[in-house]
Amino acid sequence: MARYDFVVLGSGPAGRRAAIQAAKLGQSVLVIDDRSKVGGVSVHTGTIPSKTLRETALNLSGWRERGFYGRSFRAKENIGSDDLAVRMAKTFDHEVAVLEHQFARNGVAVCVGRGRFESPNSLVVEREMAGNVVEERIEADKILIAVGTAPHRPAHIPFNGKNVIDSDDFILNPRLPRSLVVVGGGVIGVEYATIFSVLDIPVTLIDPRPSLLEFLDREVVDHLVHLMRDRGIGLRLNGDVENIRFAANGDPVCVLTDGRMVSGELVLFTVGRVGATEHLNLAAAGLTADARGRLEVNRKTFQTVQPHIYAAGDVIGFPSLASTSLEQGRAAACHAFGRPTSIEDQSPPYGVYSVPEMSCVGLSEEEARKQGLSYECGVARFRETSRGHIMGMDYGILKMICDRSTRKLLGVHIVGEGASELIHIGQAVLNLGGTLDYFIENSFNYPTLAEGYKIAALDIWNRLQAQSGEVISLQVGSVAASA
């Protein structure tokens, strides 16, 4: 029976970061994954392929240039399913090669097979060898569960892998339908709906809630919704799918609970995800998952109720981001082997890779109001910046929220090209306890979209000055004149 200091179930963002961190601390590490290649959901069917799909759609459609050349402009006239598949395959091969090299360089052992608990400290791994399934037993001092998630598939929906599919089905067999119905207005649903819209495919988005992306700032979401409607995306809110019928030509027809009907050549379900814990035999380890297969952990140490068993990544639920999963995995490995780490006091950025992108950090205006904070907001519109005009951007905003009395930055919310990159400026200032003064005092490269930070800061400055009825001293020399 093999024995390791640290065994990791899953090789996605949380698992691979934890494994490499533990190896760098001198521990013997084994990663178990049931896929033939490392990378987990993130590389195989989640983050990497979906973002590759997005970039492919933007490049081949010429969407970024339509602000100047009109909505009919296309970089490639006829875009087919093969165009999507080729780029995703190349990206997949690159990601796997990088991860395999990182594991090899750090001495992390990898086992291809399905692992399950036999006891709190032992695992059984089912491996296929020469056409036969063999079992191998592994002992571990510390264990990390980082198995990720799988798409939730409602029992009453007739998934067939052809024209009623989930997001995993699509990535494994990408295709371009004549029309698309996306069920589920969360992050994944909004991303796919807007990506296919870029390819000039008629899209309808269904969601039972009254609004989209409720965890984001409303003003920023409203801007995205306006752009979606302007591009012809149909929104069917306040309605859930009761059943699916099939028309005479075989196309699926979604029947909503309120009687509305929505048809399309392809129906894509993105109604949440469930923890991939079904086959782990958690009971043998003294663990229990919730109804969605997720594990509860101490959010400071990422320990489960069994102190030597950790869990991190999407399997522990919100925020279910690759970026936060990476840090959770690192924090779990550090705690497991006595190294200090702390991530609970940091505000992570959130990214939605819709078209256009959305990203935020810190408090939304709704959260600030709910906490009873005295705050002020400033907004910069990308179309008013020189860089935005050069790029042909007639959309996009950067919204900044700060405390009125201390001018401390509370939140930044962006929708527009490059939002997921721009947000890191706000993230740094916010997590370092910075104020509005930073953006006013410092110069930004010109012309850039990052200049929007200064514009939004000056917008707040002007509002505060008007409200106070007197000049506010920011101790920045002649800033008042330039504002």
Protein backbone atom coordinates (compact mmCIF):
# COMPACT_ATOMS: atom_id res chain seq x y z
CA MET A 1 0.00 0.00 0.00
CA ALA A 2 1.50 3.34 -1.09
CA ARG A 3 1.62 6.15 1.44
CA TYR A 4 1.87 9.92 0.83
CA ASP A 5 2.01 13.01 2.99
CA PHE A 6 -0.64 14.70 0.85
CA VAL A 7 -3.19 13.22 -1.56
CA VAL A 8 -5.24 15.52 -3.76
CA LEU A 9 -8.46 14.39 -5.40
CA GLY A 10 -8.78 16.47 -8.57
CA SER A 11 -6.30 18.40 -10.72
CA GLY A 12 -8.28 21.58 -11.36
CA PRO A 13 -7.18 25.02 -10.13
CA ALA A 14 -7.53 24.23 -6.40
CA GLY A 15 -5.99 20.78 -6.68
CA ARG A 16 -2.99 21.68 -8.78
CA ARG A 17 -2.11 24.78 -6.77
CA ALA A 18 -2.37 22.80 -3.50
CA ALA A 19 -0.30 19.92 -4.85
CA ILE A 20 2.52 22.14 -6.07
CA GLN A 21 2.51 24.19 -2.86
CA ALA A 22 2.73 21.04 -0.73
CA ALA A 23 5.56 19.69 -2.90
CA LYS A 24 7.47 22.95 -2.50
CA LEU A 25 7.14 22.45 1.27
CA GLY A 26 8.98 19.14 0.94
CA GLN A 27 5.97 16.80 1.16
CA SER A 28 5.33 13.68 -0.90
CA VAL A 29 2.28 14.44 -3.05
CA LEU A 30 -0.08 12.38 -5.19
CA VAL A 31 -2.80 13.82 -7.44
CA ILE A 32 -5.67 11.48 -8.38
CA ASP A 33 -7.89 12.40 -11.33
CA ASP A 34 -10.28 10.23 -13.34
CA ARG A 35 -9.51 12.03 -16.59
CA SER A 36 -6.76 10.81 -18.89
CA LYS A 37 -5.25 14.31 -18.86
CA VAL A 38 -4.73 16.68 -15.93
CA GLY A 39 -6.49 20.03 -15.62
CA GLY A 40 -9.86 19.19 -14.11
CA VAL A 41 -13.12 20.79 -15.15
CA SER A 42 -11.37 24.14 -15.67
CA VAL A 43 -9.24 22.85 -18.56
CA HIS A 44 -11.54 20.19 -19.97
CA THR A 45 -15.05 21.68 -20.06
CA GLY A 46 -15.10 24.88 -18.00
CA THR A 47 -13.04 28.04 -17.76
CA ILE A 48 -10.39 27.53 -20.44
CA PRO A 49 -12.52 26.15 -23.31
CA SER A 50 -15.41 28.56 -22.72
CA LYS A 51 -13.07 31.57 -22.68
CA THR A 52 -11.32 30.20 -25.77
CA LEU A 53 -14.73 29.98 -27.43
CA ARG A 54 -15.34 33.60 -26.51
CA GLU A 55 -12.04 34.78 -27.98
CA THR A 56 -12.61 32.75 -31.15
CA ALA A 57 -16.06 34.28 -31.62
CA LEU A 58 -14.74 37.82 -31.09
CA ASN A 59 -11.83 37.37 -33.50
CA LEU A 60 -13.59 35.56 -36.34
CA SER A 61 -16.74 37.69 -36.19
CA GLY A 62 -14.81 40.97 -36.15
CA TRP A 63 -17.05 42.11 -33.31
CA ARG A 64 -14.43 44.43 -31.82
CA GLU A 65 -14.27 46.39 -35.08
CA ARG A 66 -18.00 46.84 -35.59
CA GLY A 67 -18.00 50.12 -33.71
CA PHE A 68 -16.24 51.64 -36.73
CA TYR A 69 -17.21 49.42 -39.63
CA GLY A 70 -20.83 48.68 -38.76
CA ARG A 71 -22.75 45.70 -37.45
CA SER A 72 -22.52 43.84 -40.75
CA PHE A 73 -18.70 43.69 -40.59
CA ARG A 74 -17.22 40.18 -40.27
CA ALA A 75 -13.57 39.15 -40.18
CA LYS A 76 -14.51 35.74 -41.62
CA GLU A 77 -17.60 35.39 -43.75
CA ASN A 78 -18.44 31.75 -43.04
CA ILE A 79 -17.73 30.56 -39.52
CA GLY A 80 -18.27 26.85 -38.83
CA SER A 81 -18.12 24.45 -35.91
CA ASP A 82 -14.62 23.38 -36.93
CA ASP A 83 -13.37 26.93 -36.39
CA LEU A 84 -14.45 26.68 -32.75
CA ALA A 85 -13.11 23.16 -32.20
CA VAL A 86 -9.65 23.77 -33.67
CA ARG A 87 -8.78 26.67 -31.40
CA MET A 88 -10.17 24.95 -28.30
CA ALA A 89 -8.10 21.84 -29.05
CA LYS A 90 -4.90 23.86 -29.43
CA THR A 91 -5.53 25.72 -26.18
CA PHE A 92 -6.32 22.46 -24.38
CA ASP A 93 -3.07 20.83 -25.51
CA HIS A 94 -1.07 23.85 -24.37
CA GLU A 95 -2.72 24.00 -20.93
CA VAL A 96 -2.23 20.27 -20.30
CA ALA A 97 1.43 20.44 -21.38
CA VAL A 98 2.10 23.33 -18.98
CA LEU A 99 0.44 21.53 -16.06
CA GLU A 100 2.22 18.25 -16.73
CA HIS A 101 5.53 20.10 -16.79
CA GLN A 102 4.73 21.87 -13.50
CA PHE A 103 3.86 18.59 -11.79
CA ALA A 104 7.00 16.88 -13.12
CA ARG A 105 9.26 19.79 -12.17
CA ASN A 106 7.95 19.79 -8.61
CA GLY A 107 7.94 16.02 -8.12
CA VAL A 108 4.15 15.64 -7.91
CA ALA A 109 3.00 12.11 -8.74
CA VAL A 110 -0.15 11.74 -10.86
CA CYS A 111 -2.52 8.77 -10.87
CA VAL A 112 -5.23 8.41 -13.52
CA GLY A 113 -8.20 6.71 -11.89
CA ARG A 114 -11.33 7.19 -9.81
CA GLY A 115 -10.61 7.62 -6.12
CA ARG A 116 -12.96 6.92 -3.23
CA PHE A 117 -12.60 6.85 0.53
CA GLU A 118 -12.16 3.54 2.33
CA SER A 119 -11.55 5.22 5.69
CA PRO A 120 -10.66 8.74 6.85
CA ASN A 121 -7.00 8.14 5.97
CA SER A 122 -7.16 5.63 3.12
CA LEU A 123 -8.40 5.74 -0.44
CA VAL A 124 -9.13 3.14 -3.09
CA VAL A 125 -8.28 4.09 -6.67
CA GLU A 126 -9.94 2.27 -9.55
CA ARG A 127 -7.59 2.17 -12.53
CA GLU A 128 -7.97 0.68 -15.97
CA MET A 129 -4.98 -1.44 -16.98
CA ALA A 130 -4.87 -3.61 -20.12
CA GLY A 131 -8.64 -3.47 -20.41
CA ASN A 132 -9.20 -4.55 -16.82
CA VAL A 133 -10.20 -2.47 -13.79
CA VAL A 134 -7.79 -2.87 -10.90
CA GLU A 135 -7.92 -1.34 -7.43
CA GLU A 136 -5.01 0.27 -5.62
CA ARG A 137 -5.06 1.38 -1.99
CA ILE A 138 -3.45 4.65 -0.91
CA GLU A 139 -2.72 5.91 2.60
CA ALA A 140 -2.47 9.64 3.26
CA ASP A 141 -1.66 11.86 6.23
CA LYS A 142 -3.55 14.79 4.71
CA ILE A 143 -6.17 14.78 1.97
CA LEU A 144 -7.62 17.57 -0.17
CA ILE A 145 -10.94 17.14 -1.97
CA ALA A 146 -10.87 19.34 -5.06
CA VAL A 147 -13.05 17.38 -7.46
CA GLY A 148 -14.92 20.39 -8.82
CA THR A 149 -18.47 20.28 -10.13
CA ALA A 150 -20.66 18.96 -12.94
CA PRO A 151 -23.66 20.60 -14.64
CA HIS A 152 -26.96 20.26 -12.81
CA ARG A 153 -29.36 18.27 -14.99
CA PRO A 154 -33.00 18.59 -13.85
CA ALA A 155 -34.68 15.17 -13.88
CA HIS A 156 -37.67 16.32 -15.95
CA ILE A 157 -35.57 17.62 -18.85
CA PRO A 158 -34.97 15.17 -21.77
CA PHE A 159 -31.24 15.68 -22.26
CA ASN A 160 -30.20 13.84 -25.43
CA GLY A 161 -26.71 15.15 -26.23
CA LYS A 162 -27.99 16.45 -29.57
CA ASN A 163 -30.34 19.41 -29.29
CA VAL A 164 -31.05 19.47 -25.54
CA ILE A 165 -27.66 19.70 -23.88
CA ASP A 166 -25.66 21.09 -20.96
CA SER A 167 -22.47 23.14 -21.12
CA ASP A 168 -20.21 20.06 -20.89
CA ASP A 169 -22.00 18.51 -23.88
CA PHE A 170 -21.40 21.63 -25.91
CA ILE A 171 -17.67 21.88 -25.17
CA LEU A 172 -17.17 18.21 -26.03
CA ASN A 173 -19.05 18.68 -29.31
CA PRO A 174 -19.17 22.38 -30.30
CA ARG A 175 -21.66 23.35 -32.94
CA LEU A 176 -23.28 26.48 -34.42
CA PRO A 177 -27.08 26.20 -34.43
CA ARG A 178 -29.45 28.31 -36.49
CA SER A 179 -31.00 29.53 -33.22
CA LEU A 180 -30.25 29.00 -29.54
CA VAL A 181 -32.23 28.92 -26.31
CA VAL A 182 -30.17 29.29 -23.14
CA VAL A 183 -31.91 28.21 -19.92
CA GLY A 184 -30.36 29.82 -16.85
CA GLY A 185 -29.36 33.47 -16.47
CA GLY A 186 -26.38 32.99 -14.18
CA VAL A 187 -22.76 33.60 -15.11
CA ILE A 188 -22.46 30.65 -17.50
CA GLY A 189 -25.79 31.32 -19.18
CA VAL A 190 -25.08 35.02 -19.76
CA GLU A 191 -21.62 34.19 -21.12
CA TYR A 192 -22.92 31.67 -23.66
CA ALA A 193 -25.89 33.82 -24.67
CA THR A 194 -23.73 36.85 -25.45
CA ILE A 195 -20.99 34.80 -27.16
CA PHE A 196 -23.45 33.21 -29.60
CA SER A 197 -25.07 36.59 -30.19
CA VAL A 198 -21.68 37.87 -31.39
CA LEU A 199 -21.84 35.17 -34.07
CA ASP A 200 -25.19 36.63 -35.22
CA ILE A 201 -27.14 33.61 -34.00
CA PRO A 202 -30.63 34.44 -32.65
CA VAL A 203 -30.55 33.83 -28.89
CA THR A 204 -33.27 33.68 -26.22
CA LEU A 205 -32.32 33.57 -22.54
CA ILE A 206 -34.74 32.09 -19.98
CA ASP A 207 -34.47 32.56 -16.22
CA PRO A 208 -36.98 32.19 -13.37
CA ARG A 209 -35.64 35.24 -11.54
CA PRO A 210 -36.77 38.81 -12.26
CA SER A 211 -33.24 40.02 -13.09
CA LEU A 212 -29.87 38.70 -14.17
CA LEU A 213 -26.69 38.33 -12.10
CA GLU A 214 -28.21 39.55 -8.85
CA PHE A 215 -24.88 39.47 -6.99
CA LEU A 216 -23.48 42.28 -9.16
CA ASP A 217 -24.07 46.04 -9.02
CA ARG A 218 -27.44 46.81 -10.60
CA GLU A 219 -26.31 49.81 -12.64
CA VAL A 220 -23.58 47.78 -14.29
CA VAL A 221 -25.90 44.81 -14.96
CA ASP A 222 -28.53 47.17 -16.39
CA HIS A 223 -25.92 48.46 -18.83
CA LEU A 224 -25.18 44.90 -19.98
CA VAL A 225 -28.89 44.06 -20.28
CA HIS A 226 -29.42 47.16 -22.44
CA LEU A 227 -26.62 46.01 -24.75
CA MET A 228 -28.05 42.47 -24.88
CA ARG A 229 -31.50 43.72 -25.86
CA ASP A 230 -29.97 46.11 -28.39
CA ARG A 231 -28.27 43.14 -30.06
CA GLY A 232 -31.56 41.27 -30.27
CA ILE A 233 -31.13 38.80 -27.40
CA GLY A 234 -34.59 37.86 -26.17
CA LEU A 235 -34.98 37.79 -22.39
CA ARG A 236 -37.72 35.64 -20.88
CA LEU A 237 -37.47 36.37 -17.17
CA ASN A 238 -39.79 35.30 -14.34
CA GLY A 239 -40.37 31.98 -16.07
CA ASP A 240 -39.03 28.47 -15.48
CA VAL A 241 -39.04 25.58 -17.95
CA GLU A 242 -41.86 23.21 -17.07
CA ASN A 243 -41.17 20.73 -19.86
CA ILE A 244 -39.72 20.39 -23.34
CA ARG A 245 -41.67 19.25 -26.37
CA PHE A 246 -40.35 18.54 -29.82
CA ALA A 247 -41.78 20.14 -32.95
CA ALA A 248 -42.49 18.19 -36.14
CA ASN A 249 -39.03 19.09 -37.48
CA GLY A 250 -37.40 17.81 -34.29
CA ASP A 251 -36.59 21.21 -32.80
CA PRO A 252 -37.11 21.44 -29.03
CA VAL A 253 -39.78 23.76 -27.65
CA CYS A 254 -39.48 24.99 -24.06
CA VAL A 255 -42.82 25.33 -22.29
CA LEU A 256 -42.57 27.76 -19.38
CA THR A 257 -44.55 27.51 -16.14
CA ASP A 258 -46.58 30.58 -17.12
CA GLY A 259 -47.54 29.12 -20.49
CA ARG A 260 -45.02 30.95 -22.67
CA MET A 261 -43.26 28.89 -25.32
CA VAL A 262 -39.73 29.35 -26.65
CA SER A 263 -38.27 27.30 -29.47
CA GLY A 264 -34.84 27.01 -31.03
CA GLU A 265 -32.69 24.54 -32.91
CA LEU A 266 -30.59 23.99 -29.78
CA VAL A 267 -31.46 24.29 -26.08
CA LEU A 268 -28.51 24.79 -23.74
CA PHE A 269 -29.12 24.28 -20.01
CA THR A 270 -26.91 26.27 -17.63
CA VAL A 271 -28.96 26.00 -14.44
CA GLY A 272 -26.18 25.70 -11.92
CA ARG A 273 -23.67 23.01 -11.02
CA VAL A 274 -23.37 20.25 -8.42
CA GLY A 275 -20.32 19.02 -6.55
CA ALA A 276 -18.75 15.96 -8.18
CA THR A 277 -18.75 14.05 -4.89
CA GLU A 278 -21.20 11.28 -5.74
CA HIS A 279 -18.56 8.55 -6.16
CA LEU A 280 -16.22 9.54 -3.31
CA ASN A 281 -17.92 7.38 -0.65
CA LEU A 282 -17.78 10.34 1.72
CA ALA A 283 -19.52 8.39 4.49
CA ALA A 284 -16.43 6.19 4.90
CA ALA A 285 -14.47 9.34 5.75
CA GLY A 286 -17.12 10.67 8.11
CA LEU A 287 -18.18 13.41 5.70
CA THR A 288 -21.54 14.47 4.30
CA ALA A 289 -22.29 16.63 1.26
CA ASP A 290 -25.32 18.91 0.94
CA ALA A 291 -28.15 18.46 -1.56
CA ARG A 292 -25.98 19.97 -4.31
CA GLY A 293 -22.98 17.73 -3.54
CA ARG A 294 -21.00 20.53 -1.88
CA LEU A 295 -18.86 20.26 1.24
CA GLU A 296 -18.86 22.63 4.18
CA VAL A 297 -15.46 23.84 5.36
CA ASN A 298 -13.85 26.31 7.72
CA ARG A 299 -13.35 29.23 5.33
CA LYS A 300 -10.12 30.26 7.06
CA THR A 301 -8.36 26.88 6.98
CA PHE A 302 -10.49 24.94 4.44
CA GLN A 303 -10.74 21.99 6.82
CA THR A 304 -13.83 19.79 6.80
CA VAL A 305 -15.24 18.26 9.99
CA GLN A 306 -12.31 15.85 9.70
CA PRO A 307 -9.33 18.12 10.53
CA HIS A 308 -6.90 16.27 8.24
CA ILE A 309 -9.30 16.35 5.27
CA TYR A 310 -9.54 19.63 3.39
CA ALA A 311 -11.78 20.79 0.55
CA ALA A 312 -11.33 23.71 -1.83
CA GLY A 313 -12.53 25.07 -5.15
CA ASP A 314 -15.98 24.80 -6.69
CA VAL A 315 -16.86 21.79 -4.51
CA ILE A 316 -17.26 24.12 -1.50
CA GLY A 317 -19.59 26.50 -3.36
CA PHE A 318 -19.56 30.28 -3.84
CA PRO A 319 -17.71 32.07 -5.33
CA SER A 320 -16.73 29.12 -7.56
CA LEU A 321 -14.10 31.05 -9.50
CA ALA A 322 -10.88 29.60 -10.88
CA SER A 323 -8.96 32.52 -9.36
CA THR A 324 -10.30 32.01 -5.84
CA SER A 325 -9.97 28.23 -6.16
CA LEU A 326 -6.26 28.62 -6.82
CA GLU A 327 -5.78 30.61 -3.64
CA GLN A 328 -8.00 28.29 -1.60
CA GLY A 329 -5.88 25.32 -2.67
CA ARG A 330 -2.67 27.10 -1.72
CA ALA A 331 -4.10 28.16 1.65
CA ALA A 332 -5.26 24.61 2.41
CA ALA A 333 -1.83 23.14 1.65
CA CYS A 334 -0.06 25.78 3.73
CA HIS A 335 -2.33 25.16 6.72
CA ALA A 336 -2.00 21.38 6.37
CA PHE A 337 1.76 21.62 6.77
CA GLY A 338 2.05 24.38 9.30
CA ARG A 339 2.73 27.39 7.12
CA PRO A 340 0.85 30.62 7.88
CA THR A 341 -1.51 32.01 5.28
CA SER A 342 -4.55 34.23 5.31
CA ILE A 343 -6.94 35.09 2.50
CA GLU A 344 -10.17 35.85 4.33
CA ASP A 345 -9.47 39.58 4.65
CA GLN A 346 -8.88 40.09 0.94
CA SER A 347 -11.59 41.18 -1.51
CA PRO A 348 -11.22 39.00 -4.62
CA PRO A 349 -12.22 40.26 -8.06
CA TYR A 350 -15.14 38.65 -9.85
CA GLY A 351 -15.13 38.24 -13.61
CA VAL A 352 -18.00 37.45 -15.97
CA TYR A 353 -16.69 36.74 -19.47
CA SER A 354 -19.76 37.89 -21.28
CA VAL A 355 -19.59 40.15 -24.34
CA PRO A 356 -18.72 42.70 -23.17
CA GLU A 357 -16.90 41.56 -20.05
CA MET A 358 -18.01 42.42 -16.52
CA SER A 359 -15.79 42.53 -13.46
CA CYS A 360 -16.04 43.88 -9.94
CA VAL A 361 -14.29 44.05 -6.59
CA GLY A 362 -15.56 45.18 -3.20
CA LEU A 363 -19.04 46.42 -2.36
CA SER A 364 -21.82 47.08 -4.83
CA GLU A 365 -23.97 50.18 -4.38
CA GLU A 366 -26.79 47.97 -3.10
CA GLU A 367 -24.49 46.38 -0.49
CA ALA A 368 -23.18 49.76 0.65
CA ARG A 369 -26.74 51.00 1.09
CA LYS A 370 -27.73 47.84 2.95
CA GLN A 371 -24.82 48.32 5.38
CA GLY A 372 -25.94 51.88 6.05
CA LEU A 373 -22.73 53.41 4.72
CA SER A 374 -22.48 57.02 3.67
CA TYR A 375 -21.07 56.69 0.16
CA GLU A 376 -20.76 58.42 -3.18
CA CYS A 377 -20.43 57.02 -6.70
CA GLY A 378 -18.57 58.18 -9.77
CA VAL A 379 -18.92 56.86 -13.32
CA ALA A 380 -16.66 56.97 -16.36
CA ARG A 381 -18.04 56.08 -19.79
CA PHE A 382 -15.54 54.47 -22.13
CA ARG A 383 -17.01 56.25 -25.14
CA GLU A 384 -15.88 59.53 -23.56
CA THR A 385 -12.22 58.43 -23.34
CA SER A 386 -9.81 58.89 -26.22
CA ARG A 387 -8.82 55.24 -26.10
CA GLY A 388 -12.46 54.17 -26.17
CA HIS A 389 -13.10 56.36 -29.20
CA ILE A 390 -10.01 54.98 -30.97
CA MET A 391 -11.29 51.45 -30.34
CA GLY A 392 -14.78 52.32 -31.57
CA MET A 393 -16.38 51.64 -28.19
CA ASP A 394 -19.80 53.20 -27.86
CA TYR A 395 -20.53 51.23 -24.68
CA GLY A 396 -18.93 50.38 -21.34
CA ILE A 397 -18.75 52.07 -17.94
CA LEU A 398 -16.43 52.09 -14.95
CA LYS A 399 -18.20 52.76 -11.66
CA MET A 400 -16.37 53.63 -8.46
CA ILE A 401 -17.84 53.71 -4.93
CA CYS A 402 -16.13 55.42 -1.99
CA ASP A 403 -16.88 56.41 1.59
CA ARG A 404 -17.97 60.05 1.73
CA SER A 405 -16.14 60.96 4.94
CA THR A 406 -12.87 59.01 4.58
CA ARG A 407 -12.83 58.83 0.75
CA LYS A 408 -11.76 55.20 1.19
CA LEU A 409 -12.44 53.06 -1.87
CA LEU A 410 -15.32 50.64 -1.27
CA GLY A 411 -15.89 49.05 -4.66
CA VAL A 412 -15.20 49.14 -8.39
CA HIS A 413 -17.55 47.77 -11.06
CA ILE A 414 -16.76 47.63 -14.76
CA VAL A 415 -18.59 46.49 -17.86
CA GLY A 416 -16.74 46.82 -21.16
CA GLU A 417 -13.76 45.62 -23.14
CA GLY A 418 -10.92 44.48 -20.90
CA ALA A 419 -12.96 44.73 -17.67
CA SER A 420 -11.35 41.61 -16.18
CA GLU A 421 -7.89 43.16 -16.64
CA LEU A 422 -8.78 46.72 -15.60
CA ILE A 423 -10.32 45.58 -12.31
CA HIS A 424 -6.93 44.72 -10.80
CA ILE A 425 -6.05 48.40 -10.42
CA GLY A 426 -9.11 48.87 -8.22
CA GLN A 427 -8.43 45.58 -6.42
CA ALA A 428 -4.93 46.69 -5.40
CA VAL A 429 -6.05 50.09 -4.13
CA LEU A 430 -9.04 48.64 -2.26
CA ASN A 431 -7.15 45.79 -0.56
CA LEU A 432 -4.35 48.16 0.45
CA GLY A 433 -6.87 50.50 2.08
CA GLY A 434 -6.43 53.25 -0.49
CA THR A 435 -8.62 56.26 -1.09
CA LEU A 436 -9.98 58.37 -3.90
CA ASP A 437 -6.85 60.49 -3.63
CA TYR A 438 -4.71 57.82 -5.32
CA PHE A 439 -6.57 58.10 -8.60
CA ILE A 440 -6.58 61.89 -8.59
CA GLU A 441 -2.93 62.33 -7.63
CA ASN A 442 -1.41 59.78 -10.02
CA SER A 443 -1.09 59.94 -13.78
CA PHE A 444 -2.32 57.19 -16.08
CA ASN A 445 -0.97 56.28 -19.49
CA TYR A 446 -2.79 58.21 -22.19
CA PRO A 447 -4.73 57.14 -24.11
CA THR A 448 -5.87 54.09 -22.13
CA LEU A 449 -9.11 52.69 -20.78
CA ALA A 450 -7.50 52.74 -17.33
CA GLU A 451 -7.85 56.50 -17.51
CA GLY A 452 -11.47 55.78 -16.63
CA TYR A 453 -10.38 55.44 -12.99
CA LYS A 454 -9.29 59.06 -12.91
CA ILE A 455 -12.45 60.21 -14.66
CA ALA A 456 -14.65 58.31 -12.19
CA ALA A 457 -12.62 59.64 -9.25
CA LEU A 458 -13.00 63.22 -10.46
CA ASP A 459 -16.72 62.59 -10.91
CA ILE A 460 -16.90 61.69 -7.21
CA TRP A 461 -14.71 64.67 -6.31
CA ASN A 462 -17.07 67.05 -8.07
CA ARG A 463 -20.12 65.52 -6.40
CA LEU A 464 -18.57 65.74 -2.93
CA GLN A 465 -17.52 69.33 -3.49
CA ALA A 466 -21.00 70.30 -4.71
CA GLN A 467 -22.65 68.59 -1.75
CA SER A 468 -20.38 70.22 0.84
CA GLY A 469 -20.67 73.69 -0.64
CA GLU A 470 -16.98 74.27 -0.06
CA VAL A 471 -13.62 73.20 -1.49
CA ILE A 472 -12.61 69.80 -0.14
CA SER A 473 -8.93 69.56 0.71
CA LEU A 474 -7.44 66.51 -0.94
CA GLN A 475 -3.90 67.81 -0.38
CA VAL A 476 -3.13 67.41 -4.05
CA GLY A 477 -2.07 70.89 -5.02
CA SER A 478 -4.08 72.34 -7.85
CA VAL A 479 -6.37 69.35 -8.31
CA ALA A 480 -9.46 71.45 -7.70
CA ALA A 481 -8.79 73.45 -10.81
CA SER A 482 -8.31 70.38 -13.01
CA ALA A 483 -11.42 68.74 -11.58
